[in-house]
Amino acid sequence: MIHLSHVWRLMVGNAVATPAGLPDATISGFAIDSRQVQAGALFVALRGEKTDGHLYLQDAFVRGAIAAIAEPRALELGLSAWFALPDGAVRPPVGQETAEAASPAPCVFIVPDSLVALQNLAAQWRGQMPAVAIGITGSIGKTMTKETVANVLAQRFATLRTEGNLNNEIGLPLMLLRLTPEHQRVVLEMGMYALGEIGRLCELAQPRIGVVTNVGPSHLERMGSIGRIVQAKAELVQGLPPAAEGGVAILNADDPLVIGMAGLTRARVFTYGLNESSDLWADEIVSAGLEGINFRLHYGKEVLHLRLPILGRHSVHTALRGAAVGLVEGLSWAEIIAGLQDVRGQLRLMVVPGLRQSTLIDDTYNASPASVLAALNLLADITEARVEGVTSRRPIAVLGDMFELGSYEEEGHRLAGGRAAQVVQKLITVGARARGIADEALASGLPQADIYPTVSNADAIGLLLGLVRPGDVILVKGSRGMGMETIVDALSQLSQPGPAAERPPAAGS
């Protein structure tokens, strides 16, 4: 952890003496939401689209913050605190103008831009920490890859990993400030909303290894073109050190847009995929449904037969990324396989009991055309797998709108509809955009009587109450903004014994 005097030196420099009235304390953590402040924390007042963190400085101090980073407007709020000013001057709390009168009070570091100051503080702190950083980006699969890579590295190294959604220009600095001298590796998910953001994250994190999962139309509406998405993701491999300094870019050879980044990096390129031209590759992939996946792994002349507790053929790529990082970092196969067997943290997709002994595949965290296709493939794998005592496993899909696809919106939804027609026996769509999924499923041969376009989650729940029968496997998936976890919650609650299981959910649930 960081001592407050250390933060003072990082923020102000050694030219300004540490005031005698500052608390002799260690920063317990960093927060950008005053409600999350714990005793001993440093609060960062950020200006957002909906609110301004400066309005909550006093609340942060009441909750126990001993320091804050803020912009000049904080000087006008009447706070009883030390102020470290941008010109190096120090303003003591009112009534403590002399050292003799000094008593502990919060310290506010006044800066031109709170976010830039947070980033600079994190970069300076990270520069003092010995951990090797692994950066991960891509259109889909970042979080699963981050968890898998971290699970593999944790077999040998003390490893810190991105928590929650701390993967952007605000969250990643907060993660870096959690580094300690004891950490040997840090695995960082890197998201982006615009060009230059991943490049900035690389400046802060100083990754030695970079992993790119894939490039797809996620965020196309915001970025404008696939070319700009490629450009943004490539900032990771461009930010790596040269091969002579240990830099390694781990690239998906099955994605032409990713493997094309090989010429943009000074780092050594290590490829993975499902063809033998890759440095690390897999074949003979066989799904065991809910029991996991079997495949054969190739690395040079080495061949390994693996069975992993992961769901869906697309997860083989995730396993390859974890194994690739392990190999680059010198781990043994025993360590790598143990890490791949560890599924802790891989909670984006869950399988839970549903109404009338059905099975729910909860993949509601988010959706893109590629991830919907992968989920439909998993649905096919599960329903085709033989299960003792179950004579019928009917595949049903509940698919919602996919957001931020821009010019790819119509094509992306129709792509999902075409695959759904090949997999499902019943299709429910939710939302205006998802009507394109229903239309394409009909055009691709799914009978109209088996297609149910709806406009709300409540409508979908009502339909499912009449459709579901024992043995059904129900995939629920849509973009985050659709809130489709309410469908899973309703059906899983109705799976519980008792009177509630016989009642339909309340309106609006």
Protein backbone atom coordinates (compact mmCIF):
# COMPACT_ATOMS: atom_id res chain seq x y z
CA MET A 1 0.00 0.00 0.00
CA ILE A 2 1.02 3.63 -0.50
CA HIS A 3 1.91 5.90 2.40
CA LEU A 4 0.37 9.37 2.21
CA SER A 5 3.82 10.96 2.31
CA HIS A 6 4.74 8.85 -0.73
CA VAL A 7 1.65 10.10 -2.56
CA TRP A 8 2.72 13.63 -1.62
CA ARG A 9 6.14 13.12 -3.20
CA LEU A 10 4.65 11.52 -6.31
CA MET A 11 2.13 14.31 -6.75
CA VAL A 12 4.09 17.36 -5.56
CA GLY A 13 7.75 16.36 -5.78
CA ASN A 14 10.53 16.55 -3.23
CA ALA A 15 10.97 20.32 -3.55
CA VAL A 16 7.96 20.97 -1.29
CA ALA A 17 8.32 19.66 2.25
CA THR A 18 5.58 17.38 3.57
CA PRO A 19 3.40 19.44 5.94
CA ALA A 20 3.67 18.50 9.61
CA GLY A 21 -0.11 18.24 9.91
CA LEU A 22 -0.57 15.51 7.34
CA PRO A 23 -1.73 12.18 8.80
CA ASP A 24 1.02 9.62 9.27
CA ALA A 25 -1.01 6.99 7.47
CA THR A 26 -1.08 4.53 4.60
CA ILE A 27 -3.63 4.97 1.85
CA SER A 28 -6.05 2.06 2.21
CA GLY A 29 -7.35 2.35 -1.34
CA PHE A 30 -8.56 4.68 -4.07
CA ALA A 31 -12.15 5.57 -4.94
CA ILE A 32 -13.98 7.68 -7.50
CA ASP A 33 -17.38 7.16 -5.83
CA SER A 34 -17.70 8.65 -2.35
CA ARG A 35 -20.09 5.84 -1.38
CA GLN A 36 -17.24 3.37 -1.82
CA VAL A 37 -14.80 5.31 0.33
CA GLN A 38 -13.36 3.41 3.28
CA ALA A 39 -11.32 4.76 6.17
CA GLY A 40 -7.90 5.84 4.97
CA ALA A 41 -8.82 6.10 1.27
CA LEU A 42 -7.82 8.67 -1.33
CA PHE A 43 -10.82 10.05 -3.21
CA VAL A 44 -10.49 11.24 -6.80
CA ALA A 45 -13.04 13.92 -7.75
CA LEU A 46 -13.87 13.40 -11.42
CA ARG A 47 -16.25 15.37 -13.57
CA GLY A 48 -18.69 13.04 -15.34
CA GLU A 49 -21.55 13.34 -17.79
CA LYS A 50 -24.17 13.07 -15.05
CA THR A 51 -22.49 14.43 -11.93
CA ASP A 52 -19.36 16.04 -10.55
CA GLY A 53 -17.23 14.27 -7.96
CA HIS A 54 -16.24 17.62 -6.43
CA LEU A 55 -19.74 17.82 -4.97
CA TYR A 56 -18.94 14.75 -2.87
CA LEU A 57 -15.56 15.72 -1.43
CA GLN A 58 -16.97 16.49 2.01
CA ASP A 59 -18.94 13.25 1.95
CA ALA A 60 -15.73 11.37 1.15
CA PHE A 61 -13.96 12.99 4.12
CA VAL A 62 -16.88 12.16 6.42
CA ARG A 63 -16.60 8.54 5.32
CA GLY A 64 -12.91 8.50 6.22
CA ALA A 65 -10.92 9.66 3.20
CA ILE A 66 -7.59 11.17 4.27
CA ALA A 67 -6.72 12.67 0.89
CA ALA A 68 -8.23 13.67 -2.42
CA ILE A 69 -7.27 14.69 -5.92
CA ALA A 70 -9.40 17.58 -7.20
CA GLU A 71 -9.48 20.50 -9.58
CA PRO A 72 -9.31 24.21 -8.54
CA ARG A 73 -13.05 24.49 -7.89
CA ALA A 74 -12.44 22.48 -4.70
CA LEU A 75 -10.81 25.59 -3.21
CA GLU A 76 -14.21 27.29 -3.16
CA LEU A 77 -16.04 24.57 -1.21
CA GLY A 78 -14.99 25.62 2.30
CA LEU A 79 -13.27 22.31 3.07
CA SER A 80 -11.12 22.01 6.19
CA ALA A 81 -8.11 20.46 4.52
CA TRP A 82 -4.53 20.95 3.46
CA PHE A 83 -4.30 22.09 -0.16
CA ALA A 84 -1.26 21.28 -2.28
CA LEU A 85 -1.44 23.79 -5.14
CA PRO A 86 -0.16 23.29 -8.71
CA ASP A 87 2.61 25.88 -8.21
CA GLY A 88 4.03 23.92 -5.26
CA ALA A 89 2.55 26.15 -2.58
CA VAL A 90 0.81 24.61 0.42
CA ARG A 91 -2.32 26.11 1.97
CA PRO A 92 -3.00 24.83 5.49
CA PRO A 93 -6.47 24.33 6.91
CA VAL A 94 -8.16 27.45 8.28
CA GLY A 95 -6.85 28.08 11.81
CA GLN A 96 -3.71 26.01 11.27
CA GLU A 97 -1.52 28.62 9.64
CA THR A 98 1.34 27.81 12.00
CA ALA A 99 3.07 24.48 12.48
CA GLU A 100 2.43 24.68 16.23
CA ALA A 101 -1.32 24.63 15.63
CA ALA A 102 -1.16 21.89 13.06
CA SER A 103 -3.28 18.79 13.56
CA PRO A 104 -4.12 15.97 11.14
CA ALA A 105 -6.50 17.02 8.38
CA PRO A 106 -7.25 15.67 4.91
CA CYS A 107 -5.00 16.71 2.08
CA VAL A 108 -6.40 17.83 -1.28
CA PHE A 109 -4.02 17.83 -4.24
CA ILE A 110 -5.21 20.58 -6.57
CA VAL A 111 -4.51 19.72 -10.23
CA PRO A 112 -5.64 21.08 -13.61
CA ASP A 113 -7.28 17.76 -14.55
CA SER A 114 -8.16 15.10 -11.97
CA LEU A 115 -8.22 12.22 -14.47
CA VAL A 116 -4.81 13.08 -15.89
CA ALA A 117 -3.44 13.37 -12.35
CA LEU A 118 -4.87 9.96 -11.44
CA GLN A 119 -3.30 8.45 -14.52
CA ASN A 120 0.07 10.10 -13.86
CA LEU A 121 0.05 8.95 -10.24
CA ALA A 122 -0.75 5.39 -11.35
CA ALA A 123 1.99 5.47 -13.99
CA GLN A 124 4.58 6.64 -11.47
CA TRP A 125 3.53 4.01 -8.96
CA ARG A 126 3.48 1.28 -11.60
CA GLY A 127 6.98 2.30 -12.68
CA GLN A 128 8.23 1.49 -9.18
CA MET A 129 6.61 -1.96 -9.10
CA PRO A 130 8.45 -5.02 -10.46
CA ALA A 131 5.43 -6.91 -11.86
CA VAL A 132 5.42 -7.92 -15.53
CA ALA A 133 2.23 -6.65 -17.18
CA ILE A 134 0.13 -8.60 -19.68
CA GLY A 135 -2.36 -6.52 -21.69
CA ILE A 136 -5.44 -8.08 -23.31
CA THR A 137 -7.74 -6.51 -25.88
CA GLY A 138 -10.18 -7.55 -28.59
CA SER A 139 -13.79 -7.12 -29.64
CA ILE A 140 -15.06 -10.11 -27.64
CA GLY A 141 -13.55 -12.57 -25.19
CA LYS A 142 -11.37 -10.11 -23.24
CA THR A 143 -12.73 -10.94 -19.81
CA MET A 144 -12.66 -14.74 -20.23
CA THR A 145 -9.13 -14.47 -21.63
CA LYS A 146 -8.02 -12.25 -18.75
CA GLU A 147 -9.34 -14.74 -16.21
CA THR A 148 -7.79 -17.73 -18.01
CA VAL A 149 -4.41 -16.05 -18.40
CA ALA A 150 -4.41 -14.99 -14.75
CA ASN A 151 -5.39 -18.48 -13.60
CA VAL A 152 -2.48 -19.94 -15.56
CA LEU A 153 0.09 -17.42 -14.32
CA ALA A 154 -1.14 -17.78 -10.73
CA GLN A 155 0.18 -21.35 -10.75
CA ARG A 156 3.68 -19.88 -10.34
CA PHE A 157 3.48 -16.13 -9.83
CA ALA A 158 1.76 -13.76 -7.41
CA THR A 159 -0.74 -12.36 -9.89
CA LEU A 160 -3.04 -9.32 -9.86
CA ARG A 161 -5.86 -9.17 -12.42
CA THR A 162 -8.39 -6.59 -13.60
CA GLU A 163 -11.48 -6.64 -11.41
CA GLY A 164 -14.98 -5.96 -12.69
CA ASN A 165 -15.04 -3.37 -15.45
CA LEU A 166 -11.86 -1.53 -14.44
CA ASN A 167 -10.48 -1.75 -17.97
CA ASN A 168 -10.61 1.84 -19.25
CA GLU A 169 -8.84 5.16 -18.77
CA ILE A 170 -10.28 5.46 -15.25
CA GLY A 171 -10.43 1.84 -14.12
CA LEU A 172 -7.01 0.71 -15.27
CA PRO A 173 -5.14 3.37 -13.23
CA LEU A 174 -7.12 2.26 -10.18
CA MET A 175 -5.96 -1.31 -10.81
CA LEU A 176 -2.33 -0.21 -11.16
CA LEU A 177 -2.55 1.54 -7.80
CA ARG A 178 -3.36 -1.84 -6.24
CA LEU A 179 0.04 -3.21 -7.22
CA THR A 180 2.44 -4.05 -4.42
CA PRO A 181 6.11 -5.06 -4.51
CA GLU A 182 4.97 -8.64 -3.86
CA HIS A 183 3.09 -8.89 -7.17
CA GLN A 184 5.06 -10.61 -9.92
CA ARG A 185 2.49 -10.44 -12.74
CA VAL A 186 -0.48 -8.20 -13.49
CA VAL A 187 -3.07 -9.16 -16.13
CA LEU A 188 -4.92 -6.14 -17.48
CA GLU A 189 -8.00 -6.05 -19.67
CA MET A 190 -7.89 -3.06 -22.03
CA GLY A 191 -11.10 -1.64 -23.45
CA MET A 192 -11.57 1.43 -25.60
CA TYR A 193 -14.13 3.93 -26.82
CA ALA A 194 -11.94 5.92 -29.19
CA LEU A 195 -8.61 5.93 -30.99
CA GLY A 196 -5.64 6.56 -28.75
CA GLU A 197 -7.16 5.14 -25.58
CA ILE A 198 -5.41 1.75 -25.64
CA GLY A 199 -2.17 3.53 -26.51
CA ARG A 200 -2.61 5.66 -23.39
CA LEU A 201 -3.33 2.56 -21.29
CA CYS A 202 -0.09 1.04 -22.57
CA GLU A 203 1.81 4.17 -21.51
CA LEU A 204 0.43 3.70 -18.01
CA ALA A 205 0.72 -0.08 -17.67
CA GLN A 206 3.93 -0.74 -19.63
CA PRO A 207 2.86 -4.22 -20.80
CA ARG A 208 5.57 -6.64 -21.88
CA ILE A 209 3.11 -9.13 -23.35
CA GLY A 210 0.02 -8.26 -25.39
CA VAL A 211 -2.83 -10.59 -26.37
CA VAL A 212 -5.35 -9.71 -29.10
CA THR A 213 -8.43 -11.94 -29.20
CA ASN A 214 -10.25 -10.83 -32.37
CA VAL A 215 -11.70 -7.86 -34.21
CA GLY A 216 -15.42 -7.53 -34.87
CA PRO A 217 -18.14 -4.91 -35.31
CA SER A 218 -18.68 -4.30 -31.58
CA HIS A 219 -18.70 -0.49 -31.08
CA LEU A 220 -18.84 0.01 -34.85
CA GLU A 221 -21.51 2.68 -34.35
CA ARG A 222 -19.10 4.69 -32.23
CA MET A 223 -15.87 3.94 -34.11
CA GLY A 224 -17.27 4.37 -37.62
CA SER A 225 -15.46 1.56 -39.45
CA ILE A 226 -13.83 -1.82 -38.92
CA GLY A 227 -10.56 -0.23 -40.03
CA ARG A 228 -10.68 2.20 -37.11
CA ILE A 229 -11.42 -0.67 -34.71
CA VAL A 230 -8.36 -2.51 -36.02
CA GLN A 231 -6.31 0.65 -35.63
CA ALA A 232 -7.48 1.05 -32.03
CA LYS A 233 -6.82 -2.57 -31.04
CA ALA A 234 -3.41 -2.51 -32.74
CA GLU A 235 -2.28 0.18 -30.31
CA LEU A 236 -1.60 -2.64 -27.83
CA VAL A 237 0.93 -4.44 -30.02
CA GLN A 238 2.45 -1.09 -31.01
CA GLY A 239 2.90 -0.26 -27.32
CA LEU A 240 4.94 -3.38 -26.53
CA PRO A 241 8.72 -3.28 -26.08
CA PRO A 242 10.96 -4.76 -28.78
CA ALA A 243 11.62 -8.48 -28.92
CA ALA A 244 15.15 -7.86 -27.63
CA GLU A 245 13.61 -6.43 -24.45
CA GLY A 246 11.18 -9.32 -23.98
CA GLY A 247 8.15 -7.93 -25.80
CA VAL A 248 5.73 -10.58 -27.13
CA ALA A 249 2.56 -10.06 -29.17
CA ILE A 250 0.23 -13.07 -28.96
CA LEU A 251 -2.07 -12.94 -32.01
CA ASN A 252 -5.07 -14.93 -33.23
CA ALA A 253 -3.96 -16.49 -36.52
CA ASP A 254 -7.57 -17.39 -37.37
CA ASP A 255 -8.57 -13.73 -37.58
CA PRO A 256 -7.05 -12.00 -40.65
CA LEU A 257 -7.50 -8.59 -39.06
CA VAL A 258 -5.55 -9.66 -35.97
CA ILE A 259 -2.74 -11.54 -37.69
CA GLY A 260 -2.32 -8.47 -39.90
CA MET A 261 -1.07 -6.66 -36.79
CA ALA A 262 2.11 -8.76 -36.87
CA GLY A 263 3.78 -6.15 -39.05
CA LEU A 264 2.91 -3.31 -36.67
CA THR A 265 4.87 -4.43 -33.63
CA ARG A 266 8.52 -4.51 -32.58
CA ALA A 267 7.74 -7.39 -30.26
CA ARG A 268 8.18 -11.09 -31.02
CA VAL A 269 5.01 -12.50 -32.56
CA PHE A 270 3.52 -15.70 -31.14
CA THR A 271 0.47 -17.03 -32.98
CA TYR A 272 -2.35 -19.34 -31.89
CA GLY A 273 -5.31 -20.82 -33.73
CA LEU A 274 -6.96 -23.88 -35.20
CA ASN A 275 -4.52 -24.52 -38.04
CA GLU A 276 -1.03 -25.96 -38.09
CA SER A 277 0.55 -22.76 -39.37
CA SER A 278 0.17 -21.31 -35.85
CA ASP A 279 2.85 -21.60 -33.19
CA LEU A 280 0.25 -23.14 -30.87
CA TRP A 281 -2.79 -24.83 -32.36
CA ALA A 282 -5.65 -27.19 -31.62
CA ASP A 283 -7.62 -29.78 -33.56
CA GLU A 284 -9.93 -32.77 -32.96
CA ILE A 285 -12.29 -30.52 -30.97
CA VAL A 286 -15.23 -32.43 -29.53
CA SER A 287 -17.83 -30.85 -27.25
CA ALA A 288 -19.06 -32.87 -24.27
CA GLY A 289 -21.94 -30.44 -23.74
CA LEU A 290 -22.14 -29.25 -20.15
CA GLU A 291 -19.24 -31.55 -19.24
CA GLY A 292 -16.71 -29.43 -21.12
CA ILE A 293 -14.61 -29.74 -24.25
CA ASN A 294 -12.03 -32.22 -25.57
CA PHE A 295 -9.30 -31.27 -28.01
CA ARG A 296 -5.75 -31.98 -29.09
CA LEU A 297 -3.08 -29.33 -28.51
CA HIS A 298 0.04 -28.95 -30.68
CA TYR A 299 3.20 -27.01 -29.86
CA GLY A 300 6.21 -27.80 -32.00
CA LYS A 301 6.57 -31.59 -31.81
CA GLU A 302 4.57 -31.81 -28.58
CA VAL A 303 1.00 -33.12 -28.70
CA LEU A 304 -1.32 -33.10 -25.68
CA HIS A 305 -4.87 -34.44 -25.34
CA LEU A 306 -6.91 -32.16 -23.08
CA ARG A 307 -10.36 -32.16 -21.54
CA LEU A 308 -11.26 -28.85 -19.95
CA PRO A 309 -14.34 -27.72 -17.98
CA ILE A 310 -15.13 -24.93 -20.44
CA LEU A 311 -18.29 -24.47 -22.48
CA GLY A 312 -18.43 -24.16 -26.26
CA ARG A 313 -15.98 -24.71 -29.08
CA HIS A 314 -15.17 -21.00 -29.11
CA SER A 315 -13.64 -21.49 -25.65
CA VAL A 316 -10.78 -23.43 -27.23
CA HIS A 317 -9.39 -20.11 -28.45
CA THR A 318 -9.56 -18.81 -24.88
CA ALA A 319 -7.64 -21.85 -23.65
CA LEU A 320 -5.04 -21.35 -26.40
CA ARG A 321 -4.48 -17.77 -25.25
CA GLY A 322 -3.95 -18.87 -21.67
CA ALA A 323 -1.56 -21.61 -22.76
CA ALA A 324 0.32 -19.22 -25.06
CA VAL A 325 0.99 -16.76 -22.24
CA GLY A 326 2.07 -19.65 -20.00
CA LEU A 327 4.53 -20.89 -22.61
CA VAL A 328 5.93 -17.41 -23.22
CA GLU A 329 6.40 -17.02 -19.47
CA GLY A 330 8.22 -20.35 -19.17
CA LEU A 331 5.61 -22.35 -17.27
CA SER A 332 5.58 -26.13 -17.45
CA TRP A 333 2.73 -28.01 -19.11
CA ALA A 334 1.65 -29.25 -15.67
CA GLU A 335 1.29 -25.63 -14.49
CA ILE A 336 -0.46 -24.52 -17.69
CA ILE A 337 -2.98 -27.36 -17.61
CA ALA A 338 -3.69 -26.78 -13.92
CA GLY A 339 -4.41 -23.13 -14.72
CA LEU A 340 -6.69 -24.05 -17.63
CA GLN A 341 -8.60 -26.43 -15.36
CA ASP A 342 -9.25 -23.55 -12.94
CA VAL A 343 -12.48 -21.85 -13.97
CA ARG A 344 -12.59 -19.30 -11.13
CA GLY A 345 -13.80 -15.91 -12.28
CA GLN A 346 -15.23 -17.20 -15.56
CA LEU A 347 -18.79 -16.18 -14.73
CA ARG A 348 -19.94 -14.34 -17.82
CA LEU A 349 -21.83 -17.42 -19.03
CA MET A 350 -23.67 -19.53 -16.45
CA VAL A 351 -25.85 -22.61 -16.63
CA VAL A 352 -28.69 -22.65 -14.09
CA PRO A 353 -31.86 -24.70 -13.47
CA GLY A 354 -35.00 -23.35 -15.10
CA LEU A 355 -38.75 -23.79 -15.01
CA ARG A 356 -40.08 -27.40 -15.23
CA GLN A 357 -36.67 -29.10 -15.10
CA SER A 358 -35.38 -27.06 -18.02
CA THR A 359 -31.82 -25.73 -18.28
CA LEU A 360 -31.02 -22.03 -18.70
CA ILE A 361 -27.89 -20.79 -20.43
CA ASP A 362 -27.47 -17.31 -18.96
CA ASP A 363 -25.31 -15.38 -21.42
CA THR A 364 -26.95 -12.02 -20.76
CA TYR A 365 -23.85 -9.98 -19.97
CA ASN A 366 -23.59 -8.59 -23.50
CA ALA A 367 -23.97 -9.54 -27.15
CA SER A 368 -22.38 -9.08 -30.54
CA PRO A 369 -22.96 -11.07 -33.75
CA ALA A 370 -19.87 -13.21 -33.13
CA SER A 371 -20.75 -13.95 -29.52
CA VAL A 372 -24.37 -14.80 -30.44
CA LEU A 373 -23.12 -17.28 -33.04
CA ALA A 374 -20.80 -18.81 -30.45
CA ALA A 375 -23.68 -19.08 -27.97
CA LEU A 376 -25.93 -20.73 -30.56
CA ASN A 377 -23.15 -23.20 -31.34
CA LEU A 378 -22.92 -24.00 -27.63
CA LEU A 379 -26.70 -24.48 -27.52
CA ALA A 380 -26.38 -26.97 -30.37
CA ASP A 381 -23.53 -28.81 -28.61
CA ILE A 382 -25.48 -29.12 -25.37
CA THR A 383 -28.73 -30.30 -26.93
CA GLU A 384 -26.94 -32.81 -29.15
CA ALA A 385 -24.99 -34.34 -26.24
CA ARG A 386 -26.53 -37.47 -24.77
CA VAL A 387 -27.67 -37.21 -21.17
CA GLU A 388 -28.71 -40.30 -19.22
CA GLY A 389 -32.40 -40.24 -18.35
CA VAL A 390 -33.25 -37.36 -20.68
CA THR A 391 -35.01 -38.35 -23.89
CA SER A 392 -35.45 -34.87 -25.36
CA ARG A 393 -33.35 -31.71 -25.07
CA ARG A 394 -35.21 -29.13 -27.12
CA PRO A 395 -33.13 -26.03 -28.01
CA ILE A 396 -34.86 -22.69 -27.42
CA ALA A 397 -33.23 -19.29 -27.92
CA VAL A 398 -34.33 -15.94 -26.49
CA LEU A 399 -32.30 -13.32 -28.37
CA GLY A 400 -32.43 -9.57 -27.78
CA ASP A 401 -31.25 -6.45 -29.54
CA MET A 402 -27.53 -5.99 -30.20
CA PHE A 403 -26.40 -2.39 -29.76
CA GLU A 404 -23.61 -0.22 -31.20
CA LEU A 405 -23.31 -2.13 -34.50
CA GLY A 406 -23.68 0.96 -36.68
CA SER A 407 -23.85 0.11 -40.39
CA TYR A 408 -23.47 -3.58 -39.51
CA GLU A 409 -26.70 -3.64 -37.49
CA GLU A 410 -29.01 -5.22 -40.07
CA GLU A 411 -26.44 -7.72 -41.33
CA GLY A 412 -25.37 -8.71 -37.80
CA HIS A 413 -28.92 -9.46 -36.68
CA ARG A 414 -29.69 -11.38 -39.85
CA LEU A 415 -26.50 -13.42 -39.43
CA ALA A 416 -27.72 -14.46 -35.99
CA GLY A 417 -31.15 -15.31 -37.39
CA GLY A 418 -29.73 -17.55 -40.08
CA ARG A 419 -27.76 -19.58 -37.55
CA ALA A 420 -30.71 -19.69 -35.13
CA ALA A 421 -32.81 -21.33 -37.84
CA GLN A 422 -30.25 -24.14 -38.03
CA VAL A 423 -30.09 -24.70 -34.26
CA VAL A 424 -33.32 -23.94 -32.42
CA GLN A 425 -36.80 -25.40 -32.34
CA LYS A 426 -38.30 -22.28 -30.75
CA LEU A 427 -37.04 -18.70 -31.20
CA ILE A 428 -38.15 -15.71 -29.14
CA THR A 429 -36.74 -12.29 -30.02
CA VAL A 430 -36.89 -9.21 -27.82
CA GLY A 431 -36.70 -5.66 -29.18
CA ALA A 432 -37.06 -3.82 -32.48
CA ARG A 433 -33.56 -4.62 -33.75
CA ALA A 434 -33.93 -8.31 -32.93
CA ARG A 435 -36.94 -8.45 -35.25
CA GLY A 436 -34.27 -8.83 -37.93
CA ILE A 437 -33.20 -12.08 -36.24
CA ALA A 438 -36.78 -13.36 -36.44
CA ASP A 439 -37.19 -12.30 -40.08
CA GLU A 440 -34.00 -14.02 -41.17
CA ALA A 441 -34.82 -17.18 -39.21
CA LEU A 442 -38.14 -17.35 -41.07
CA ALA A 443 -36.42 -16.79 -44.42
CA SER A 444 -33.91 -19.53 -43.53
CA GLY A 445 -36.57 -22.16 -42.96
CA LEU A 446 -37.64 -22.00 -39.32
CA PRO A 447 -41.46 -22.36 -39.32
CA GLN A 448 -43.34 -19.17 -38.53
CA ALA A 449 -45.27 -20.99 -35.79
CA ASP A 450 -41.95 -21.44 -33.94
CA ILE A 451 -40.89 -17.77 -34.08
CA TYR A 452 -42.13 -15.30 -31.46
CA PRO A 453 -41.08 -11.64 -31.89
CA THR A 454 -41.69 -9.60 -28.72
CA VAL A 455 -40.97 -6.07 -27.60
CA SER A 456 -40.21 -6.63 -23.91
CA ASN A 457 -38.64 -9.03 -21.44
CA ALA A 458 -42.02 -9.37 -19.71
CA ASP A 459 -43.58 -10.55 -23.00
CA ALA A 460 -40.78 -13.10 -23.43
CA ILE A 461 -41.31 -14.40 -19.89
CA GLY A 462 -45.02 -14.79 -20.51
CA LEU A 463 -44.37 -16.79 -23.69
CA LEU A 464 -41.83 -19.04 -21.99
CA LEU A 465 -44.27 -19.87 -19.21
CA GLY A 466 -46.47 -21.53 -21.81
CA LEU A 467 -43.70 -23.01 -23.98
CA VAL A 468 -41.18 -24.59 -21.63
CA ARG A 469 -41.31 -28.30 -20.98
CA PRO A 470 -38.99 -30.72 -19.15
CA GLY A 471 -35.59 -31.18 -20.76
CA ASP A 472 -35.60 -27.92 -22.73
CA VAL A 473 -32.34 -25.97 -22.96
CA ILE A 474 -32.97 -22.23 -23.15
CA LEU A 475 -30.33 -19.73 -24.28
CA VAL A 476 -30.94 -16.13 -23.15
CA LYS A 477 -28.68 -13.50 -24.72
CA GLY A 478 -28.77 -9.83 -25.65
CA SER A 479 -26.87 -6.59 -25.27
CA ARG A 480 -26.27 -5.29 -21.77
CA GLY A 481 -28.79 -2.50 -22.15
CA MET A 482 -31.61 -5.02 -22.74
CA GLY A 483 -31.46 -6.22 -19.13
CA MET A 484 -32.31 -9.77 -20.13
CA GLU A 485 -31.08 -11.16 -16.84
CA THR A 486 -34.64 -10.47 -15.67
CA ILE A 487 -35.77 -13.34 -17.90
CA VAL A 488 -33.25 -15.71 -16.36
CA ASP A 489 -34.15 -14.55 -12.85
CA ALA A 490 -37.87 -15.14 -13.45
CA LEU A 491 -37.44 -18.63 -14.88
CA SER A 492 -34.85 -19.72 -12.33
CA GLN A 493 -37.02 -18.49 -9.44
CA LEU A 494 -39.95 -20.45 -10.84
CA SER A 495 -37.74 -23.55 -10.82
CA GLN A 496 -37.70 -23.45 -7.01
CA PRO A 497 -40.20 -25.67 -5.19
CA GLY A 498 -43.14 -24.08 -3.42
CA PRO A 499 -46.24 -22.04 -4.23
CA ALA A 500 -44.25 -19.35 -6.06
CA ALA A 501 -43.30 -21.89 -8.72
CA GLU A 502 -46.94 -22.07 -9.80
CA ARG A 503 -47.45 -18.32 -10.10
CA PRO A 504 -46.46 -16.18 -13.11
CA PRO A 505 -44.01 -13.35 -12.37
CA ALA A 506 -45.34 -9.95 -11.47
CA ALA A 507 -45.91 -7.49 -14.28
CA GLY A 508 -42.75 -5.75 -15.39
CA SER A 509 -40.39 -8.38 -13.96
